[in-house]
């Protein structure tokens, strides 16, 4: 599997970048981790106050795990990248756990249903 992910993806040669499966995992994780701020911005703008939707924590966990796996298992094996992504992974997992414990599993659906009933 590692050898397969380390092969160049020739269908992305037009980008001028040397892209492998591992790099694609790393890019996707970085975009996921960075994109969570856009999700938080949109949710806060809609609510008119600062909020952190559950999707923010899912994107944090997934993005952290993807970039962590890139730094751990790809030929890069960069200890700085591992350290940089290790702590956010555990923090995001713990925050997601707290969010589920505090607000329940179906919180987002319940909030949406409540807004519909109250005309918001």
N, C-alpha and C. Protein backbone atom coordinates (compact mmCIF):
# COMPACT_ATOMS: atom_id res chain seq x y z
N UNK A 1 0.82 -1.20 0.00
CA UNK A 1 0.00 0.00 0.00
C UNK A 1 0.87 1.26 0.00
N UNK A 2 1.94 1.25 0.83
CA UNK A 2 2.83 2.41 0.90
C UNK A 2 3.48 2.67 -0.45
N UNK A 3 3.91 1.60 -1.11
CA UNK A 3 4.56 1.76 -2.42
C UNK A 3 3.58 2.37 -3.43
N UNK A 4 2.32 1.95 -3.37
CA UNK A 4 1.31 2.47 -4.28
C UNK A 4 1.07 3.96 -4.04
N UNK A 5 1.00 4.35 -2.77
CA UNK A 5 0.76 5.76 -2.44
C UNK A 5 1.97 6.64 -2.71
N UNK A 6 3.14 6.04 -2.85
CA UNK A 6 4.36 6.80 -3.12
C UNK A 6 4.60 7.02 -4.62
N UNK A 7 3.82 6.35 -5.47
CA UNK A 7 3.98 6.52 -6.92
C UNK A 7 3.46 7.88 -7.37
N UNK A 8 4.12 8.49 -8.35
CA UNK A 8 3.63 9.78 -8.87
C UNK A 8 2.27 9.62 -9.55
N UNK A 9 1.43 10.61 -9.37
CA UNK A 9 0.12 10.63 -10.03
C UNK A 9 0.27 11.44 -11.31
N UNK A 10 0.45 10.74 -12.42
CA UNK A 10 0.76 11.39 -13.69
C UNK A 10 -0.40 12.21 -14.22
N UNK A 11 -1.60 11.90 -13.82
CA UNK A 11 -2.75 12.67 -14.28
C UNK A 11 -2.76 14.08 -13.69
N UNK A 12 -1.86 14.33 -12.72
CA UNK A 12 -1.73 15.68 -12.16
C UNK A 12 -0.44 16.37 -12.63
N UNK A 13 0.21 15.82 -13.67
CA UNK A 13 1.43 16.43 -14.21
C UNK A 13 1.20 17.84 -14.72
N UNK A 14 0.00 18.12 -15.19
CA UNK A 14 -0.32 19.45 -15.72
C UNK A 14 -0.15 20.56 -14.67
N UNK A 15 -0.15 20.19 -13.38
CA UNK A 15 0.02 21.19 -12.32
C UNK A 15 1.47 21.65 -12.20
N UNK A 16 2.39 20.87 -12.73
CA UNK A 16 3.80 21.18 -12.59
C UNK A 16 4.37 20.74 -11.25
N UNK A 17 3.56 20.10 -10.44
CA UNK A 17 3.98 19.61 -9.12
C UNK A 17 4.19 18.10 -9.17
N UNK A 18 5.10 17.62 -8.38
CA UNK A 18 5.30 16.18 -8.22
C UNK A 18 4.32 15.71 -7.14
N UNK A 19 3.20 15.12 -7.57
CA UNK A 19 2.13 14.74 -6.64
C UNK A 19 2.07 13.21 -6.54
N UNK A 20 2.06 12.72 -5.31
CA UNK A 20 1.89 11.29 -5.05
C UNK A 20 0.59 11.10 -4.27
N UNK A 21 0.22 9.87 -4.05
CA UNK A 21 -0.96 9.58 -3.24
C UNK A 21 -0.82 10.15 -1.83
N UNK A 22 0.39 10.03 -1.27
CA UNK A 22 0.63 10.58 0.08
C UNK A 22 0.46 12.09 0.10
N UNK A 23 0.99 12.75 -0.92
CA UNK A 23 0.84 14.20 -0.98
C UNK A 23 -0.62 14.59 -1.15
N UNK A 24 -1.37 13.82 -1.90
CA UNK A 24 -2.80 14.08 -2.06
C UNK A 24 -3.52 13.96 -0.72
N UNK A 25 -3.14 12.97 0.07
CA UNK A 25 -3.70 12.82 1.42
C UNK A 25 -3.31 14.04 2.27
N UNK A 26 -2.06 14.46 2.18
CA UNK A 26 -1.59 15.62 2.93
C UNK A 26 -2.29 16.90 2.51
N UNK A 27 -2.43 17.12 1.19
CA UNK A 27 -3.12 18.31 0.69
C UNK A 27 -4.57 18.33 1.15
N UNK A 28 -5.24 17.18 1.03
CA UNK A 28 -6.64 17.10 1.43
C UNK A 28 -6.80 17.37 2.92
N UNK A 29 -5.91 16.81 3.72
CA UNK A 29 -5.95 17.05 5.16
C UNK A 29 -5.73 18.51 5.49
N UNK A 30 -4.77 19.14 4.82
CA UNK A 30 -4.49 20.55 5.07
C UNK A 30 -5.68 21.42 4.66
N UNK A 31 -6.30 21.10 3.52
CA UNK A 31 -7.48 21.85 3.09
C UNK A 31 -8.66 21.64 4.04
N UNK A 32 -8.81 20.41 4.52
CA UNK A 32 -9.87 20.10 5.47
C UNK A 32 -9.66 20.87 6.78
N UNK A 33 -8.43 20.85 7.27
CA UNK A 33 -8.11 21.52 8.53
C UNK A 33 -8.27 23.03 8.40
N UNK A 34 -7.82 23.59 7.28
CA UNK A 34 -7.97 25.03 7.07
C UNK A 34 -9.41 25.42 6.75
N UNK A 35 -10.12 24.57 6.02
CA UNK A 35 -11.50 24.85 5.62
C UNK A 35 -12.48 24.91 6.78
N UNK A 36 -12.10 24.34 7.90
CA UNK A 36 -13.00 24.35 9.06
C UNK A 36 -13.26 25.78 9.52
N UNK A 37 -12.29 26.68 9.29
CA UNK A 37 -12.49 28.08 9.68
C UNK A 37 -13.55 28.74 8.82
N UNK A 38 -13.65 28.37 7.57
CA UNK A 38 -14.71 28.88 6.71
C UNK A 38 -16.08 28.40 7.21
N UNK A 39 -16.15 27.14 7.61
CA UNK A 39 -17.39 26.58 8.17
C UNK A 39 -17.79 27.35 9.43
N UNK A 40 -16.81 27.63 10.29
CA UNK A 40 -17.08 28.36 11.53
C UNK A 40 -17.52 29.79 11.22
N UNK A 41 -16.89 30.43 10.26
CA UNK A 41 -17.24 31.79 9.87
C UNK A 41 -18.68 31.86 9.37
N UNK A 42 -19.04 30.94 8.49
CA UNK A 42 -20.40 30.93 7.93
C UNK A 42 -21.43 30.67 9.02
N UNK A 43 -21.17 29.72 9.92
CA UNK A 43 -22.10 29.42 11.00
C UNK A 43 -22.26 30.61 11.95
N UNK A 44 -21.16 31.28 12.26
CA UNK A 44 -21.23 32.45 13.14
C UNK A 44 -21.96 33.60 12.49
N UNK A 45 -21.72 33.77 11.22
CA UNK A 45 -22.40 34.86 10.49
C UNK A 45 -23.91 34.62 10.45
N UNK A 46 -24.31 33.38 10.22
CA UNK A 46 -25.74 33.05 10.20
C UNK A 46 -26.38 33.24 11.57
N UNK A 47 -25.65 32.86 12.63
CA UNK A 47 -26.19 32.96 13.98
C UNK A 47 -26.10 34.37 14.55
N UNK A 48 -25.24 35.21 13.97
CA UNK A 48 -25.06 36.55 14.47
C UNK A 48 -24.26 36.61 15.77
N UNK A 49 -23.58 35.53 16.06
CA UNK A 49 -22.73 35.44 17.25
C UNK A 49 -21.70 34.34 17.00
N UNK A 50 -20.62 34.32 17.77
CA UNK A 50 -19.62 33.26 17.56
C UNK A 50 -20.15 31.89 17.95
N UNK A 51 -20.11 30.97 17.02
CA UNK A 51 -20.52 29.58 17.28
C UNK A 51 -19.51 28.64 16.63
N UNK A 52 -19.44 27.45 17.16
CA UNK A 52 -18.60 26.41 16.56
C UNK A 52 -19.51 25.22 16.26
N UNK A 53 -19.84 25.03 14.98
CA UNK A 53 -20.70 23.89 14.63
C UNK A 53 -19.94 22.58 14.75
N UNK A 54 -20.68 21.51 14.90
CA UNK A 54 -20.05 20.20 15.05
C UNK A 54 -19.20 19.84 13.84
N UNK A 55 -19.59 20.31 12.66
CA UNK A 55 -18.81 20.04 11.45
C UNK A 55 -17.37 20.55 11.61
N UNK A 56 -17.20 21.65 12.35
CA UNK A 56 -15.87 22.18 12.63
C UNK A 56 -15.00 21.12 13.29
N UNK A 57 -15.56 20.39 14.27
CA UNK A 57 -14.78 19.38 14.99
C UNK A 57 -14.53 18.15 14.12
N UNK A 58 -15.53 17.76 13.31
CA UNK A 58 -15.31 16.64 12.39
C UNK A 58 -14.19 16.97 11.41
N UNK A 59 -14.21 18.18 10.86
CA UNK A 59 -13.17 18.59 9.91
C UNK A 59 -11.81 18.68 10.60
N UNK A 60 -11.80 19.11 11.87
CA UNK A 60 -10.55 19.18 12.63
C UNK A 60 -9.95 17.80 12.81
N UNK A 61 -10.79 16.85 13.21
CA UNK A 61 -10.31 15.48 13.45
C UNK A 61 -9.82 14.87 12.14
N UNK A 62 -10.64 14.94 11.11
CA UNK A 62 -10.28 14.32 9.83
C UNK A 62 -9.04 14.98 9.23
N UNK A 63 -9.00 16.30 9.23
CA UNK A 63 -7.84 17.01 8.68
C UNK A 63 -6.57 16.70 9.45
N UNK A 64 -6.67 16.68 10.78
CA UNK A 64 -5.49 16.36 11.60
C UNK A 64 -5.01 14.94 11.36
N UNK A 65 -5.94 13.99 11.29
CA UNK A 65 -5.54 12.60 11.07
C UNK A 65 -4.91 12.40 9.69
N UNK A 66 -5.45 13.09 8.69
CA UNK A 66 -4.90 12.96 7.34
C UNK A 66 -3.49 13.55 7.25
N UNK A 67 -3.30 14.75 7.81
CA UNK A 67 -1.95 15.33 7.76
C UNK A 67 -0.99 14.58 8.67
N UNK A 68 -1.49 14.09 9.79
CA UNK A 68 -0.65 13.28 10.68
C UNK A 68 -0.19 12.01 9.96
N UNK A 69 -1.11 11.34 9.26
CA UNK A 69 -0.73 10.12 8.53
C UNK A 69 0.27 10.44 7.42
N UNK A 70 0.11 11.59 6.78
CA UNK A 70 1.09 11.99 5.75
C UNK A 70 2.48 12.11 6.36
N UNK A 71 2.59 12.80 7.50
CA UNK A 71 3.91 13.00 8.11
C UNK A 71 4.45 11.73 8.76
N UNK A 72 3.58 10.83 9.17
CA UNK A 72 4.04 9.59 9.81
C UNK A 72 4.43 8.50 8.81
N UNK A 73 3.61 8.31 7.78
CA UNK A 73 3.76 7.12 6.92
C UNK A 73 4.33 7.38 5.54
N UNK A 74 4.30 8.61 5.07
CA UNK A 74 4.84 8.88 3.74
C UNK A 74 6.37 8.87 3.81
N UNK A 75 7.02 8.84 2.67
CA UNK A 75 8.49 8.89 2.69
C UNK A 75 9.04 10.15 3.37
N UNK A 76 8.22 11.18 3.49
CA UNK A 76 8.67 12.41 4.14
C UNK A 76 9.02 12.17 5.60
N UNK A 77 8.18 11.48 6.33
CA UNK A 77 8.38 11.14 7.75
C UNK A 77 9.05 12.29 8.51
N UNK A 78 8.33 13.38 8.59
CA UNK A 78 8.83 14.61 9.21
C UNK A 78 8.36 14.71 10.65
N UNK A 79 9.30 14.67 11.60
CA UNK A 79 8.94 14.69 13.02
C UNK A 79 8.32 16.03 13.43
N UNK A 80 8.69 17.12 12.76
CA UNK A 80 8.08 18.42 13.06
C UNK A 80 6.60 18.39 12.66
N UNK A 81 6.31 17.83 11.50
CA UNK A 81 4.91 17.72 11.06
C UNK A 81 4.11 16.80 11.97
N UNK A 82 4.72 15.73 12.45
CA UNK A 82 4.04 14.83 13.38
C UNK A 82 3.67 15.58 14.65
N UNK A 83 4.64 16.27 15.21
CA UNK A 83 4.40 17.02 16.44
C UNK A 83 3.36 18.12 16.23
N UNK A 84 3.43 18.78 15.09
CA UNK A 84 2.51 19.85 14.76
C UNK A 84 1.07 19.36 14.65
N UNK A 85 0.86 18.12 14.24
CA UNK A 85 -0.49 17.60 14.04
C UNK A 85 -0.96 16.64 15.12
N UNK A 86 -0.07 16.20 15.98
CA UNK A 86 -0.44 15.26 17.03
C UNK A 86 -1.36 15.90 18.07
N UNK A 87 -0.99 17.06 18.57
CA UNK A 87 -1.78 17.71 19.61
C UNK A 87 -3.14 18.19 19.10
N UNK A 88 -3.24 18.80 17.91
CA UNK A 88 -4.57 19.18 17.42
C UNK A 88 -5.50 17.97 17.23
N UNK A 89 -4.94 16.82 16.88
CA UNK A 89 -5.78 15.63 16.72
C UNK A 89 -6.44 15.26 18.04
N UNK A 90 -5.67 15.18 19.10
CA UNK A 90 -6.24 14.82 20.40
C UNK A 90 -7.17 15.91 20.94
N UNK A 91 -6.81 17.16 20.72
CA UNK A 91 -7.66 18.26 21.17
C UNK A 91 -9.00 18.24 20.44
N UNK A 92 -8.97 18.04 19.13
CA UNK A 92 -10.20 17.99 18.35
C UNK A 92 -11.06 16.80 18.73
N UNK A 93 -10.44 15.63 18.95
CA UNK A 93 -11.20 14.46 19.38
C UNK A 93 -11.86 14.70 20.73
N UNK A 94 -11.14 15.29 21.65
CA UNK A 94 -11.69 15.57 22.98
C UNK A 94 -12.81 16.62 22.89
N UNK A 95 -12.62 17.65 22.08
CA UNK A 95 -13.65 18.68 21.93
C UNK A 95 -14.91 18.10 21.28
N UNK A 96 -14.73 17.22 20.30
CA UNK A 96 -15.88 16.55 19.69
C UNK A 96 -16.61 15.70 20.71
N UNK A 97 -15.86 14.97 21.52
CA UNK A 97 -16.45 14.16 22.60
C UNK A 97 -17.26 15.05 23.56
N UNK A 98 -16.68 16.17 23.98
CA UNK A 98 -17.38 17.08 24.88
C UNK A 98 -18.63 17.66 24.23
N UNK A 99 -18.54 18.01 22.95
CA UNK A 99 -19.69 18.56 22.24
C UNK A 99 -20.83 17.56 22.20
N UNK A 100 -20.51 16.30 21.93
CA UNK A 100 -21.55 15.25 21.88
C UNK A 100 -22.12 15.02 23.28
N UNK A 101 -21.25 15.01 24.29
CA UNK A 101 -21.72 14.80 25.67
C UNK A 101 -22.60 15.96 26.13
N UNK A 102 -22.21 17.17 25.80
CA UNK A 102 -22.91 18.36 26.28
C UNK A 102 -24.21 18.62 25.52
N UNK A 103 -24.18 18.47 24.21
CA UNK A 103 -25.33 18.86 23.39
C UNK A 103 -26.09 17.69 22.78
N UNK A 104 -25.59 16.47 22.99
CA UNK A 104 -26.28 15.31 22.44
C UNK A 104 -25.80 14.97 21.05
N UNK A 105 -26.12 13.77 20.61
CA UNK A 105 -25.64 13.26 19.33
C UNK A 105 -26.27 13.99 18.15
N UNK A 106 -27.57 14.31 18.22
CA UNK A 106 -28.29 14.90 17.09
C UNK A 106 -28.51 16.39 17.27
N UNK A 107 -27.57 17.07 17.88
CA UNK A 107 -27.69 18.49 18.19
C UNK A 107 -28.01 19.34 16.98
N UNK A 108 -27.28 19.19 15.89
CA UNK A 108 -27.48 20.04 14.72
C UNK A 108 -28.88 19.88 14.14
N UNK A 109 -29.38 18.65 14.09
CA UNK A 109 -30.73 18.42 13.59
C UNK A 109 -31.75 19.04 14.53
N UNK A 110 -31.56 18.92 15.83
CA UNK A 110 -32.49 19.49 16.79
C UNK A 110 -32.52 21.01 16.69
N UNK A 111 -31.38 21.64 16.51
CA UNK A 111 -31.34 23.09 16.37
C UNK A 111 -32.06 23.50 15.11
N UNK A 112 -31.84 22.80 14.00
CA UNK A 112 -32.49 23.11 12.73
C UNK A 112 -34.01 22.96 12.86
N UNK A 113 -34.48 21.87 13.47
CA UNK A 113 -35.91 21.65 13.66
C UNK A 113 -36.52 22.74 14.53
N UNK A 114 -35.79 23.16 15.57
CA UNK A 114 -36.27 24.21 16.46
C UNK A 114 -36.39 25.54 15.72
N UNK A 115 -35.44 25.84 14.85
CA UNK A 115 -35.48 27.08 14.08
C UNK A 115 -36.67 27.09 13.14
N UNK A 116 -36.98 25.94 12.55
CA UNK A 116 -38.13 25.84 11.64
C UNK A 116 -39.42 26.10 12.42
N UNK A 117 -39.55 25.49 13.59
CA UNK A 117 -40.77 25.66 14.39
C UNK A 117 -40.96 27.09 14.87
N UNK A 118 -39.87 27.77 15.17
CA UNK A 118 -39.94 29.13 15.70
C UNK A 118 -39.79 30.20 14.62
N UNK A 119 -39.75 29.78 13.38
CA UNK A 119 -39.71 30.72 12.26
C UNK A 119 -38.41 31.49 12.11
N UNK A 120 -37.31 30.91 12.52
CA UNK A 120 -36.01 31.60 12.39
C UNK A 120 -35.33 31.20 11.12
